[in-house]
Amino acid sequence: MYGRILAAIDGSETSTRAYREAVRLAADQHAALRIAHVVDLGAVFAPWADTPVVNFESLETALRDAAAHLVDAAVTQARSAGVMAEAVLLEAVVNDVPAEILAEAARWSADLIVMGTHGRHGLAHLIMGSVAEGVIQLASVPVLLLRAWGHPSSAA
């Protein structure tokens, strides 16, 4: 049913849970798996970033290095489960992580996007936004969202 699964990861517990499901599904479907992580460089390139307090060049390097380590570990885990996997690092400069995920899904012709959702509501959602919400609003392929274990469901 699915031949190309894009797993968007961010290193969080919720993302890890979704990633494990993507690996399981890819193994079951004999699908190719592409692991994508978006390095959000918005803070590095923000107008206020021209300050002597923080070395933003070092921050940018650290963000990219951490992202590379994250996707390398994910590829190793998928391959050890017998899944054909590859990884891609994407970059967003203006906090447009959903657009980068969707663009990669289109470039790679993904049949399914798998990702975690933190399920934030209220002020946390207003301040931090929702990458998952941004993806599902514009996705042209199915999106499988997984929440963190033990996350309270919203009241109906």
N, C-alpha and C. Protein backbone atom coordinates (compact mmCIF):
# COMPACT_ATOMS: atom_id res chain seq x y z
N MET A 1 0.82 -1.19 0.00
CA MET A 1 0.00 0.00 0.00
C MET A 1 0.87 1.26 0.00
N TYR A 2 1.89 1.30 0.85
CA TYR A 2 2.80 2.44 0.89
C TYR A 2 4.18 1.97 0.44
N GLY A 3 4.73 2.66 -0.54
CA GLY A 3 6.04 2.30 -1.04
C GLY A 3 7.14 3.25 -0.60
N ARG A 4 6.75 4.49 -0.21
CA ARG A 4 7.72 5.52 0.17
C ARG A 4 7.17 6.29 1.38
N ILE A 5 7.80 6.06 2.52
CA ILE A 5 7.34 6.67 3.77
C ILE A 5 8.36 7.71 4.21
N LEU A 6 7.88 8.93 4.44
CA LEU A 6 8.71 10.00 4.96
C LEU A 6 8.44 10.14 6.45
N ALA A 7 9.47 9.96 7.26
CA ALA A 7 9.35 10.11 8.72
C ALA A 7 10.04 11.41 9.11
N ALA A 8 9.27 12.35 9.61
CA ALA A 8 9.82 13.63 10.08
C ALA A 8 10.12 13.48 11.56
N ILE A 9 11.39 13.71 11.93
CA ILE A 9 11.79 13.52 13.33
C ILE A 9 12.37 14.80 13.89
N ASP A 10 12.25 14.94 15.22
CA ASP A 10 12.83 16.11 15.89
C ASP A 10 13.61 15.75 17.15
N GLY A 11 13.68 14.46 17.47
CA GLY A 11 14.45 14.03 18.64
C GLY A 11 13.64 13.95 19.92
N SER A 12 12.40 14.40 19.91
CA SER A 12 11.57 14.35 21.12
C SER A 12 11.05 12.93 21.34
N GLU A 13 10.52 12.68 22.53
CA GLU A 13 9.93 11.38 22.85
C GLU A 13 8.78 11.07 21.90
N THR A 14 7.96 12.06 21.63
CA THR A 14 6.82 11.88 20.72
C THR A 14 7.30 11.54 19.32
N SER A 15 8.30 12.25 18.86
CA SER A 15 8.86 12.00 17.54
C SER A 15 9.47 10.60 17.46
N THR A 16 10.14 10.19 18.51
CA THR A 16 10.75 8.86 18.55
C THR A 16 9.68 7.78 18.47
N ARG A 17 8.58 7.98 19.15
CA ARG A 17 7.48 7.02 19.09
C ARG A 17 6.93 6.93 17.66
N ALA A 18 6.75 8.07 17.02
CA ALA A 18 6.25 8.09 15.65
C ALA A 18 7.27 7.43 14.71
N TYR A 19 8.53 7.71 14.93
CA TYR A 19 9.57 7.13 14.09
C TYR A 19 9.57 5.60 14.19
N ARG A 20 9.43 5.08 15.40
CA ARG A 20 9.39 3.63 15.56
C ARG A 20 8.21 3.03 14.79
N GLU A 21 7.10 3.73 14.79
CA GLU A 21 5.94 3.26 14.03
C GLU A 21 6.22 3.32 12.53
N ALA A 22 6.92 4.35 12.08
CA ALA A 22 7.29 4.46 10.66
C ALA A 22 8.19 3.30 10.25
N VAL A 23 9.13 2.93 11.10
CA VAL A 23 10.02 1.81 10.80
C VAL A 23 9.22 0.51 10.75
N ARG A 24 8.33 0.33 11.71
CA ARG A 24 7.49 -0.87 11.73
C ARG A 24 6.63 -0.94 10.48
N LEU A 25 6.04 0.17 10.10
CA LEU A 25 5.18 0.21 8.92
C LEU A 25 6.00 -0.01 7.65
N ALA A 26 7.17 0.59 7.56
CA ALA A 26 8.04 0.40 6.39
C ALA A 26 8.45 -1.07 6.25
N ALA A 27 8.75 -1.72 7.37
CA ALA A 27 9.12 -3.14 7.33
C ALA A 27 7.92 -3.97 6.87
N ASP A 28 6.76 -3.68 7.41
CA ASP A 28 5.55 -4.41 7.06
C ASP A 28 5.17 -4.23 5.59
N GLN A 29 5.33 -3.03 5.08
CA GLN A 29 4.94 -2.71 3.71
C GLN A 29 6.07 -2.91 2.70
N HIS A 30 7.26 -3.30 3.17
CA HIS A 30 8.45 -3.39 2.31
C HIS A 30 8.67 -2.06 1.58
N ALA A 31 8.54 -0.98 2.35
CA ALA A 31 8.62 0.38 1.81
C ALA A 31 9.98 0.99 2.06
N ALA A 32 10.34 1.92 1.20
CA ALA A 32 11.54 2.73 1.43
C ALA A 32 11.18 3.78 2.49
N LEU A 33 12.15 4.09 3.31
CA LEU A 33 11.94 5.05 4.39
C LEU A 33 12.93 6.20 4.23
N ARG A 34 12.42 7.41 4.20
CA ARG A 34 13.29 8.59 4.21
C ARG A 34 13.04 9.30 5.53
N ILE A 35 14.13 9.55 6.23
CA ILE A 35 14.07 10.21 7.53
C ILE A 35 14.47 11.66 7.32
N ALA A 36 13.60 12.56 7.73
CA ALA A 36 13.86 13.98 7.53
C ALA A 36 13.86 14.72 8.86
N HIS A 37 14.83 15.57 9.00
CA HIS A 37 14.90 16.46 10.17
C HIS A 37 15.11 17.88 9.64
N VAL A 38 14.32 18.80 10.17
CA VAL A 38 14.44 20.19 9.76
C VAL A 38 15.19 20.95 10.84
N VAL A 39 16.34 21.52 10.45
CA VAL A 39 17.10 22.38 11.34
C VAL A 39 16.48 23.77 11.21
N ASP A 40 15.88 24.24 12.30
CA ASP A 40 15.23 25.55 12.29
C ASP A 40 16.26 26.61 12.67
N LEU A 41 16.74 27.31 11.68
CA LEU A 41 17.77 28.33 11.90
C LEU A 41 17.17 29.71 12.14
N GLY A 42 15.89 29.77 12.40
CA GLY A 42 15.22 31.05 12.62
C GLY A 42 15.87 31.90 13.69
N ALA A 43 16.26 31.28 14.80
CA ALA A 43 16.89 32.03 15.88
C ALA A 43 18.25 32.57 15.48
N VAL A 44 18.95 31.84 14.64
CA VAL A 44 20.29 32.25 14.21
C VAL A 44 20.22 33.47 13.31
N PHE A 45 19.17 33.52 12.47
CA PHE A 45 19.07 34.61 11.50
C PHE A 45 18.07 35.70 11.91
N ALA A 46 17.57 35.64 13.14
CA ALA A 46 16.62 36.66 13.60
C ALA A 46 17.30 38.03 13.66
N PRO A 47 16.52 39.10 13.50
CA PRO A 47 17.10 40.44 13.52
C PRO A 47 17.87 40.76 14.81
N TRP A 48 17.44 40.20 15.92
CA TRP A 48 18.10 40.47 17.20
C TRP A 48 19.36 39.63 17.39
N ALA A 49 19.68 38.79 16.41
CA ALA A 49 20.81 37.87 16.56
C ALA A 49 22.17 38.56 16.49
N ASP A 50 22.19 39.82 16.14
CA ASP A 50 23.46 40.55 16.04
C ASP A 50 23.84 41.10 17.42
N THR A 51 24.12 40.18 18.33
CA THR A 51 24.46 40.56 19.69
C THR A 51 25.75 39.86 20.11
N PRO A 52 26.58 40.52 20.90
CA PRO A 52 27.84 39.91 21.31
C PRO A 52 27.69 38.83 22.39
N VAL A 53 26.49 38.65 22.92
CA VAL A 53 26.28 37.71 24.02
C VAL A 53 26.36 36.26 23.56
N VAL A 54 25.85 35.98 22.35
CA VAL A 54 25.80 34.62 21.85
C VAL A 54 26.57 34.53 20.53
N ASN A 55 27.36 33.49 20.40
CA ASN A 55 28.08 33.25 19.16
C ASN A 55 27.16 32.41 18.26
N PHE A 56 26.46 33.09 17.35
CA PHE A 56 25.46 32.42 16.53
C PHE A 56 26.07 31.50 15.48
N GLU A 57 27.29 31.75 15.09
CA GLU A 57 27.96 30.84 14.16
C GLU A 57 28.18 29.49 14.83
N SER A 58 28.58 29.52 16.08
CA SER A 58 28.75 28.27 16.84
C SER A 58 27.41 27.58 17.07
N LEU A 59 26.38 28.37 17.33
CA LEU A 59 25.05 27.82 17.54
C LEU A 59 24.56 27.12 16.26
N GLU A 60 24.75 27.76 15.13
CA GLU A 60 24.34 27.18 13.86
C GLU A 60 25.08 25.86 13.60
N THR A 61 26.37 25.84 13.87
CA THR A 61 27.17 24.63 13.69
C THR A 61 26.68 23.53 14.64
N ALA A 62 26.41 23.89 15.87
CA ALA A 62 25.94 22.91 16.86
C ALA A 62 24.58 22.34 16.45
N LEU A 63 23.69 23.18 15.94
CA LEU A 63 22.37 22.70 15.50
C LEU A 63 22.51 21.71 14.35
N ARG A 64 23.36 22.03 13.40
CA ARG A 64 23.55 21.13 12.25
C ARG A 64 24.23 19.82 12.68
N ASP A 65 25.21 19.91 13.58
CA ASP A 65 25.89 18.70 14.05
C ASP A 65 24.94 17.78 14.82
N ALA A 66 24.12 18.37 15.69
CA ALA A 66 23.16 17.57 16.45
C ALA A 66 22.15 16.92 15.52
N ALA A 67 21.72 17.64 14.50
CA ALA A 67 20.76 17.10 13.53
C ALA A 67 21.38 15.93 12.76
N ALA A 68 22.62 16.08 12.35
CA ALA A 68 23.30 15.00 11.62
C ALA A 68 23.41 13.75 12.48
N HIS A 69 23.75 13.92 13.74
CA HIS A 69 23.84 12.78 14.66
C HIS A 69 22.47 12.11 14.82
N LEU A 70 21.42 12.91 14.95
CA LEU A 70 20.07 12.39 15.12
C LEU A 70 19.64 11.54 13.93
N VAL A 71 19.83 12.05 12.71
CA VAL A 71 19.39 11.28 11.55
C VAL A 71 20.28 10.07 11.28
N ASP A 72 21.58 10.19 11.57
CA ASP A 72 22.46 9.04 11.40
C ASP A 72 22.05 7.89 12.31
N ALA A 73 21.72 8.21 13.55
CA ALA A 73 21.27 7.18 14.50
C ALA A 73 19.96 6.56 14.04
N ALA A 74 19.07 7.38 13.49
CA ALA A 74 17.78 6.87 13.02
C ALA A 74 17.96 5.93 11.83
N VAL A 75 18.85 6.28 10.91
CA VAL A 75 19.12 5.42 9.75
C VAL A 75 19.68 4.08 10.22
N THR A 76 20.62 4.12 11.14
CA THR A 76 21.22 2.89 11.67
C THR A 76 20.14 2.01 12.30
N GLN A 77 19.25 2.61 13.07
CA GLN A 77 18.18 1.85 13.72
C GLN A 77 17.25 1.21 12.68
N ALA A 78 16.89 1.96 11.66
CA ALA A 78 15.99 1.42 10.62
C ALA A 78 16.66 0.28 9.86
N ARG A 79 17.91 0.48 9.50
CA ARG A 79 18.61 -0.57 8.74
C ARG A 79 18.79 -1.83 9.56
N SER A 80 18.98 -1.67 10.87
CA SER A 80 19.11 -2.86 11.71
C SER A 80 17.80 -3.61 11.82
N ALA A 81 16.69 -2.93 11.50
CA ALA A 81 15.38 -3.58 11.48
C ALA A 81 15.05 -4.11 10.09
N GLY A 82 16.03 -4.03 9.16
CA GLY A 82 15.83 -4.56 7.83
C GLY A 82 15.11 -3.62 6.88
N VAL A 83 15.04 -2.34 7.22
CA VAL A 83 14.34 -1.37 6.39
C VAL A 83 15.35 -0.57 5.56
N MET A 84 15.06 -0.43 4.27
CA MET A 84 15.89 0.40 3.41
C MET A 84 15.62 1.86 3.77
N ALA A 85 16.62 2.52 4.37
CA ALA A 85 16.42 3.87 4.87
C ALA A 85 17.53 4.80 4.43
N GLU A 86 17.15 6.06 4.27
CA GLU A 86 18.10 7.13 4.00
C GLU A 86 17.62 8.36 4.75
N ALA A 87 18.49 9.35 4.87
CA ALA A 87 18.13 10.53 5.64
C ALA A 87 18.43 11.79 4.85
N VAL A 88 17.72 12.83 5.21
CA VAL A 88 17.94 14.14 4.62
C VAL A 88 17.82 15.19 5.72
N LEU A 89 18.75 16.14 5.70
CA LEU A 89 18.68 17.29 6.60
C LEU A 89 18.15 18.47 5.80
N LEU A 90 17.13 19.09 6.34
CA LEU A 90 16.51 20.25 5.71
C LEU A 90 16.74 21.45 6.61
N GLU A 91 16.61 22.64 6.06
CA GLU A 91 16.78 23.85 6.86
C GLU A 91 15.62 24.80 6.63
N ALA A 92 15.16 25.39 7.71
CA ALA A 92 14.15 26.43 7.66
C ALA A 92 14.75 27.67 8.30
N VAL A 93 14.54 28.82 7.69
CA VAL A 93 15.12 30.04 8.21
C VAL A 93 14.06 30.89 8.90
N VAL A 94 12.82 30.77 8.50
CA VAL A 94 11.78 31.63 9.06
C VAL A 94 10.73 30.79 9.80
N ASN A 95 11.18 29.79 10.52
CA ASN A 95 10.29 28.93 11.31
C ASN A 95 9.20 28.31 10.45
N ASP A 96 9.52 27.92 9.23
CA ASP A 96 8.55 27.30 8.35
C ASP A 96 8.86 25.82 8.17
N VAL A 97 8.93 25.14 9.29
CA VAL A 97 9.25 23.72 9.30
C VAL A 97 8.22 22.90 8.51
N PRO A 98 6.92 23.15 8.68
CA PRO A 98 5.95 22.36 7.90
C PRO A 98 6.17 22.46 6.39
N ALA A 99 6.49 23.63 5.89
CA ALA A 99 6.71 23.81 4.46
C ALA A 99 7.90 22.99 3.98
N GLU A 100 8.94 22.90 4.80
CA GLU A 100 10.11 22.10 4.42
C GLU A 100 9.78 20.61 4.38
N ILE A 101 9.00 20.15 5.35
CA ILE A 101 8.59 18.74 5.37
C ILE A 101 7.74 18.42 4.14
N LEU A 102 6.79 19.28 3.83
CA LEU A 102 5.91 19.07 2.68
C LEU A 102 6.68 19.13 1.36
N ALA A 103 7.63 20.04 1.27
CA ALA A 103 8.44 20.14 0.05
C ALA A 103 9.26 18.87 -0.15
N GLU A 104 9.81 18.34 0.93
CA GLU A 104 10.59 17.11 0.83
C GLU A 104 9.69 15.93 0.46
N ALA A 105 8.50 15.87 1.02
CA ALA A 105 7.56 14.80 0.66
C ALA A 105 7.24 14.86 -0.83
N ALA A 106 7.08 16.05 -1.36
CA ALA A 106 6.79 16.20 -2.79
C ALA A 106 8.01 15.85 -3.64
N ARG A 107 9.20 16.34 -3.26
CA ARG A 107 10.42 16.05 -4.03
C ARG A 107 10.68 14.55 -4.12
N TRP A 108 10.44 13.86 -3.01
CA TRP A 108 10.75 12.44 -2.93
C TRP A 108 9.57 11.56 -3.36
N SER A 109 8.42 12.16 -3.63
CA SER A 109 7.19 11.44 -4.00
C SER A 109 6.76 10.47 -2.90
N ALA A 110 6.73 10.96 -1.68
CA ALA A 110 6.30 10.14 -0.54
C ALA A 110 4.84 9.75 -0.68
N ASP A 111 4.51 8.53 -0.24
CA ASP A 111 3.13 8.06 -0.21
C ASP A 111 2.48 8.34 1.14
N LEU A 112 3.31 8.56 2.16
CA LEU A 112 2.83 8.74 3.53
C LEU A 112 3.85 9.56 4.30
N ILE A 113 3.36 10.45 5.15
CA ILE A 113 4.22 11.20 6.08
C ILE A 113 3.87 10.71 7.48
N VAL A 114 4.88 10.37 8.25
CA VAL A 114 4.68 9.93 9.63
C VAL A 114 5.42 10.89 10.54
N MET A 115 4.75 11.37 11.58
CA MET A 115 5.39 12.29 12.52
C MET A 115 4.65 12.29 13.84
N GLY A 116 5.30 12.81 14.83
CA GLY A 116 4.68 12.94 16.15
C GLY A 116 3.98 14.27 16.28
N THR A 117 3.04 14.31 17.21
CA THR A 117 2.39 15.57 17.55
C THR A 117 2.39 15.69 19.06
N HIS A 118 2.76 16.85 19.53
CA HIS A 118 2.87 17.07 20.97
C HIS A 118 1.51 17.36 21.59
N GLY A 119 0.53 17.68 20.79
CA GLY A 119 -0.82 17.91 21.30
C GLY A 119 -0.94 19.13 22.20
N ARG A 120 -0.16 20.15 21.91
CA ARG A 120 -0.24 21.38 22.72
C ARG A 120 -1.55 22.09 22.46
N HIS A 121 -2.06 22.72 23.51
CA HIS A 121 -3.28 23.51 23.40
C HIS A 121 -3.05 24.87 24.06
N GLY A 122 -3.97 25.76 23.85
CA GLY A 122 -3.95 27.04 24.54
C GLY A 122 -2.72 27.87 24.24
N LEU A 123 -2.16 28.44 25.30
CA LEU A 123 -1.03 29.36 25.17
C LEU A 123 0.20 28.68 24.57
N ALA A 124 0.48 27.44 24.97
CA ALA A 124 1.63 26.72 24.43
C ALA A 124 1.50 26.56 22.91
N HIS A 125 0.28 26.26 22.45
CA HIS A 125 0.06 26.12 21.01
C HIS A 125 0.21 27.47 20.32
N LEU A 126 -0.30 28.51 20.94
CA LEU A 126 -0.21 29.85 20.37
C LEU A 126 1.24 30.30 20.22
N ILE A 127 2.04 30.05 21.24
CA ILE A 127 3.43 30.50 21.23
C ILE A 127 4.29 29.61 20.34
N MET A 128 4.18 28.31 20.49
CA MET A 128 5.06 27.38 19.78
C MET A 128 4.52 26.93 18.43
N GLY A 129 3.23 27.10 18.22
CA GLY A 129 2.65 26.64 16.96
C GLY A 129 2.58 25.13 16.91
N SER A 130 2.21 24.62 15.79
CA SER A 130 2.13 23.18 15.63
C SER A 130 2.64 22.80 14.25
N VAL A 131 3.77 22.13 14.23
CA VAL A 131 4.33 21.65 12.97
C VAL A 131 3.36 20.64 12.36
N ALA A 132 2.85 19.74 13.18
CA ALA A 132 1.93 18.72 12.68
C ALA A 132 0.69 19.35 12.05
N GLU A 133 0.15 20.35 12.70
CA GLU A 133 -1.03 21.03 12.17
C GLU A 133 -0.72 21.67 10.81
N GLY A 134 0.43 22.29 10.71
CA GLY A 134 0.84 22.89 9.45
C GLY A 134 0.98 21.87 8.34
N VAL A 135 1.48 20.69 8.68
CA VAL A 135 1.65 19.63 7.69
C VAL A 135 0.30 19.09 7.25
N ILE A 136 -0.57 18.77 8.19
CA ILE A 136 -1.84 18.14 7.79
C ILE A 136 -2.75 19.11 7.03
N GLN A 137 -2.61 20.39 7.29
CA GLN A 137 -3.47 21.35 6.57
C GLN A 137 -3.17 21.40 5.08
N LEU A 138 -1.93 21.16 4.68
CA LEU A 138 -1.54 21.31 3.28
C LEU A 138 -1.04 20.04 2.61
N ALA A 139 -0.99 18.94 3.33
CA ALA A 139 -0.45 17.70 2.77
C ALA A 139 -1.31 17.17 1.64
N SER A 140 -0.65 16.68 0.60
CA SER A 140 -1.36 16.06 -0.52
C SER A 140 -1.32 14.54 -0.43
N VAL A 141 -0.66 14.02 0.62
CA VAL A 141 -0.61 12.58 0.87
C VAL A 141 -1.08 12.34 2.30
N PRO A 142 -1.44 11.11 2.63
CA PRO A 142 -1.86 10.82 4.01
C PRO A 142 -0.76 11.14 5.02
N VAL A 143 -1.20 11.56 6.20
CA VAL A 143 -0.28 11.88 7.29
C VAL A 143 -0.70 11.06 8.50
N LEU A 144 0.24 10.31 9.05
CA LEU A 144 0.00 9.53 10.26
C LEU A 144 0.63 10.28 11.42
N LEU A 145 -0.19 10.73 12.37
CA LEU A 145 0.29 11.45 13.54
C LEU A 145 0.18 10.56 14.77
N LEU A 146 1.23 10.56 15.59
CA LEU A 146 1.20 9.82 16.84
C LEU A 146 1.46 10.79 17.98
N ARG A 147 0.73 10.60 19.05
CA ARG A 147 0.92 11.43 20.24
C ARG A 147 1.82 10.69 21.22
N ALA A 148 2.31 11.43 22.19
CA ALA A 148 3.16 10.84 23.23
C ALA A 148 2.33 9.88 24.08
N TRP A 149 3.00 8.87 24.62
CA TRP A 149 2.33 7.94 25.54
C TRP A 149 1.83 8.72 26.74
N GLY A 150 0.67 8.35 27.23
CA GLY A 150 0.15 8.95 28.45
C GLY A 150 -0.31 10.38 28.30
N HIS A 151 -0.35 10.90 27.06
CA HIS A 151 -0.82 12.26 26.86
C HIS A 151 -2.33 12.27 27.02
N PRO A 152 -2.87 13.15 27.86
CA PRO A 152 -4.31 13.16 28.06
C PRO A 152 -5.04 13.54 26.78
N SER A 153 -6.11 12.81 26.49
CA SER A 153 -6.89 13.17 25.31
C SER A 153 -7.72 14.39 25.61
N SER A 154 -8.03 15.15 24.58
CA SER A 154 -8.83 16.35 24.79
C SER A 154 -10.28 15.97 24.98
N ALA A 155 -10.95 16.74 25.78
CA ALA A 155 -12.37 16.45 26.07
C ALA A 155 -13.20 16.80 24.86
N ALA A 156 -14.22 15.99 24.62
CA ALA A 156 -15.08 16.23 23.46
C ALA A 156 -16.29 17.05 23.84
